[in-house]
Protein backbone atom coordinates (compact mmCIF):
# COMPACT_ATOMS: atom_id res chain seq x y z
CA UNK A 1 106.36 66.30 117.28
CA UNK A 2 108.95 67.63 114.86
CA UNK A 3 111.09 70.56 115.90
CA UNK A 4 112.45 72.83 113.19
CA UNK A 5 116.25 73.11 113.18
CA UNK A 6 115.79 76.81 112.45
CA UNK A 7 114.17 77.67 115.75
CA UNK A 8 113.73 81.35 116.11
CA UNK A 9 112.60 83.05 119.27
CA UNK A 10 109.03 84.28 119.26
CA UNK A 11 109.02 88.09 119.04
CA UNK A 12 108.00 89.89 122.21
CA UNK A 13 104.21 90.24 122.14
CA UNK A 14 102.57 93.64 122.18
CA UNK A 15 99.96 94.33 124.85
CA UNK A 16 96.38 94.04 123.63
CA UNK A 17 94.90 97.28 122.35
CA UNK A 18 92.53 98.51 119.65
CA UNK A 19 95.57 99.25 117.46
CA UNK A 20 96.91 95.70 117.89
CA UNK A 21 93.54 94.22 116.96
CA UNK A 22 93.27 96.42 113.86
CA UNK A 23 96.86 95.57 112.86
CA UNK A 24 96.26 91.83 113.19
CA UNK A 25 92.97 91.88 111.29
CA UNK A 26 94.44 93.95 108.45
CA UNK A 27 96.31 90.72 107.68
CA UNK A 28 93.04 88.78 107.47
CA UNK A 29 91.45 88.93 104.01
CA UNK A 30 87.67 89.19 104.21
CA UNK A 31 84.76 89.29 101.82
CA UNK A 32 82.96 92.61 101.49
CA UNK A 33 79.26 93.07 102.16
CA UNK A 34 76.92 96.01 102.52
CA UNK A 35 74.25 95.85 105.22
CA UNK A 36 71.11 97.95 104.65
CA UNK A 37 67.99 98.77 106.64
CA UNK A 38 64.83 100.77 106.12
CA UNK A 39 64.25 103.81 108.29
CA UNK A 40 62.82 107.26 107.69
CA UNK A 41 65.65 107.25 105.13
CA UNK A 42 67.45 104.06 104.12
CA UNK A 43 70.76 103.38 105.88
CA UNK A 44 73.68 101.10 105.14
CA UNK A 45 77.34 100.42 105.77
CA UNK A 46 80.19 98.32 104.44
CA UNK A 47 80.88 95.24 106.56
CA UNK A 48 83.72 92.73 106.54
CA UNK A 49 82.47 90.97 109.67
CA UNK A 50 79.70 89.00 107.94
CA UNK A 51 79.48 85.32 108.97
CA UNK A 52 77.30 82.35 108.25
CA UNK A 53 76.14 81.09 111.66
CA UNK A 54 73.81 78.15 110.97
CA UNK A 55 72.08 76.42 108.08
CA UNK A 56 69.00 75.36 110.06
CA UNK A 57 67.56 77.83 110.65
CA UNK A 58 69.54 79.93 108.14
CA UNK A 59 71.33 82.46 110.39
CA UNK A 60 73.96 85.11 109.69
CA UNK A 61 75.81 87.57 111.93
CA UNK A 62 77.73 90.81 111.58
CA UNK A 63 79.16 93.48 113.84
CA UNK A 64 78.15 97.14 113.84
CA UNK A 65 79.58 99.99 115.89
CA UNK A 66 77.12 101.76 118.16
CA UNK A 67 78.70 105.09 117.13
CA UNK A 68 77.90 104.33 113.47
CA UNK A 69 75.42 106.66 111.76
CA UNK A 70 73.49 103.52 110.73
CA UNK A 71 73.15 102.16 114.27
CA UNK A 72 70.05 104.14 115.40
CA UNK A 73 68.04 102.68 112.49
CA UNK A 74 69.59 99.20 112.81
CA UNK A 75 68.86 99.21 116.55
CA UNK A 76 65.13 99.39 115.76
CA UNK A 77 65.08 97.42 112.49
CA UNK A 78 63.12 94.18 112.31
CA UNK A 79 64.65 93.28 108.92
CA UNK A 80 68.00 94.01 107.27
CA UNK A 81 69.55 93.46 103.85
CA UNK A 82 72.86 91.68 103.29
CA UNK A 83 74.62 92.25 99.97
CA UNK A 84 77.73 90.37 98.81
CA UNK A 85 79.76 92.75 96.64
CA UNK A 86 81.63 91.87 93.47
CA UNK A 87 85.06 93.12 92.43
CA UNK A 88 83.30 95.54 90.05
CA UNK A 89 81.75 97.31 93.08
CA UNK A 90 84.80 98.84 94.75
CA UNK A 91 83.29 102.35 94.50
CA UNK A 92 80.05 101.14 96.10
CA UNK A 93 82.03 99.59 98.98
CA UNK A 94 83.95 102.85 99.43
CA UNK A 95 80.73 104.91 99.38
CA UNK A 96 79.10 102.78 102.08
CA UNK A 97 82.33 102.84 104.14
CA UNK A 98 82.74 106.64 103.98
CA UNK A 99 81.46 108.61 106.95
CA UNK A 100 78.99 111.32 105.94
CA UNK A 101 78.51 110.00 102.39
CA UNK A 102 75.10 110.12 100.68
CA UNK A 103 75.03 106.34 100.42
CA UNK A 104 71.69 106.05 98.62
CA UNK A 105 72.11 109.03 96.29
CA UNK A 106 74.10 109.59 93.15
CA UNK A 107 75.26 106.40 91.46
CA UNK A 108 73.81 103.95 94.01
CA UNK A 109 71.17 101.82 92.30
CA UNK A 110 68.67 100.11 94.61
CA UNK A 111 65.02 99.28 95.05
CA UNK A 112 62.75 98.31 97.93
CA UNK A 113 62.89 94.55 98.44
CA UNK A 114 61.04 92.15 100.72
CA UNK A 115 59.85 93.82 103.94
CA UNK A 116 60.73 97.19 102.33
CA UNK A 117 64.46 96.60 102.90
CA UNK A 118 66.72 98.45 100.42
CA UNK A 119 68.20 95.91 97.97
CA UNK A 120 71.24 97.02 95.98
CA UNK A 121 71.43 96.33 92.24
CA UNK A 122 74.22 94.34 90.61
CA UNK A 123 75.52 92.50 93.69
CA UNK A 124 76.76 88.90 93.58
CA UNK A 125 74.10 87.79 96.05
CA UNK A 126 71.69 89.27 98.59
CA UNK A 127 69.54 88.25 101.51
CA UNK A 128 66.77 89.93 103.45
CA UNK A 129 66.91 88.74 107.04
CA UNK A 130 64.74 89.05 110.15
CA UNK A 131 66.75 90.31 113.12
CA UNK A 132 66.62 87.78 115.97
CA UNK A 133 69.25 89.18 118.40
CA UNK A 134 71.54 92.12 119.06
CA UNK A 135 74.33 91.04 121.39
CA UNK A 136 76.41 93.73 123.19
CA UNK A 137 80.12 93.38 122.39
CA UNK A 138 82.23 96.31 123.58
CA UNK A 139 81.51 99.39 121.47
CA UNK A 140 79.68 97.18 118.92
CA UNK A 141 76.65 94.97 118.67
CA UNK A 142 76.70 91.55 117.06
CA UNK A 143 73.51 91.28 115.05
CA UNK A 144 72.15 87.80 114.43
CA UNK A 145 69.49 87.50 111.75
CA UNK A 146 67.53 84.76 110.00
CA UNK A 147 67.36 84.75 106.19
CA UNK A 148 63.79 85.07 104.84
CA UNK A 149 64.45 85.76 101.12
CA UNK A 150 67.32 86.31 98.75
CA UNK A 151 69.00 85.78 95.40
CA UNK A 152 72.42 84.14 94.88
CA UNK A 153 72.47 84.57 91.07
CA UNK A 154 74.58 87.70 90.51
CA UNK A 155 77.49 87.45 88.10
CA UNK A 156 81.14 88.14 88.86
CA UNK A 157 83.87 87.51 91.37
CA UNK A 158 83.91 88.64 95.03
CA UNK A 159 85.44 91.85 96.33
CA UNK A 160 87.96 91.37 99.16
CA UNK A 161 89.26 93.62 101.92
CA UNK A 162 92.89 93.27 103.01
CA UNK A 163 95.50 95.62 104.50
CA UNK A 164 92.96 98.46 104.68
CA UNK A 165 92.07 98.34 100.96
CA UNK A 166 89.59 96.69 98.60
CA UNK A 167 91.03 94.09 96.22
CA UNK A 168 89.98 91.79 93.40
CA UNK A 169 90.41 88.06 93.85
CA UNK A 170 93.37 86.67 91.91
CA UNK A 171 93.83 83.14 90.62
């Protein structure tokens, strides 16, 4: 083991809290997705917690707050849509992140996809997935879903989320 000659003491740690977690994860750049579901009215929200879980079967996961306006529909949904946003879709990400916004009105372009799930136009890629589990995790649920259909052929570069803002990927 090599020891750096410039040893500096480790700063005093802060006690764990929601603020500490948010502060740490603001430093973590993440891709931006929108999750949608069909209800009496379509619902959706911006997610940066999307993960690939397994290739066989093809599983994904994401977190959703149980206080979210989308949760009541997602809690009952059998299928959901996952949309990977491009850097040209910053406004769409902001719309789906804004509390109380008319997410499927105005400039939002979408159509019913497989299983009737709302599929957003112009995204880099999308999947429709069958929900297989909703795991309690504090004030959230971790949703695990199996891909049943999709399209990876959208054009553009991914939108990123870092330090509380949406960003374009730089070379």
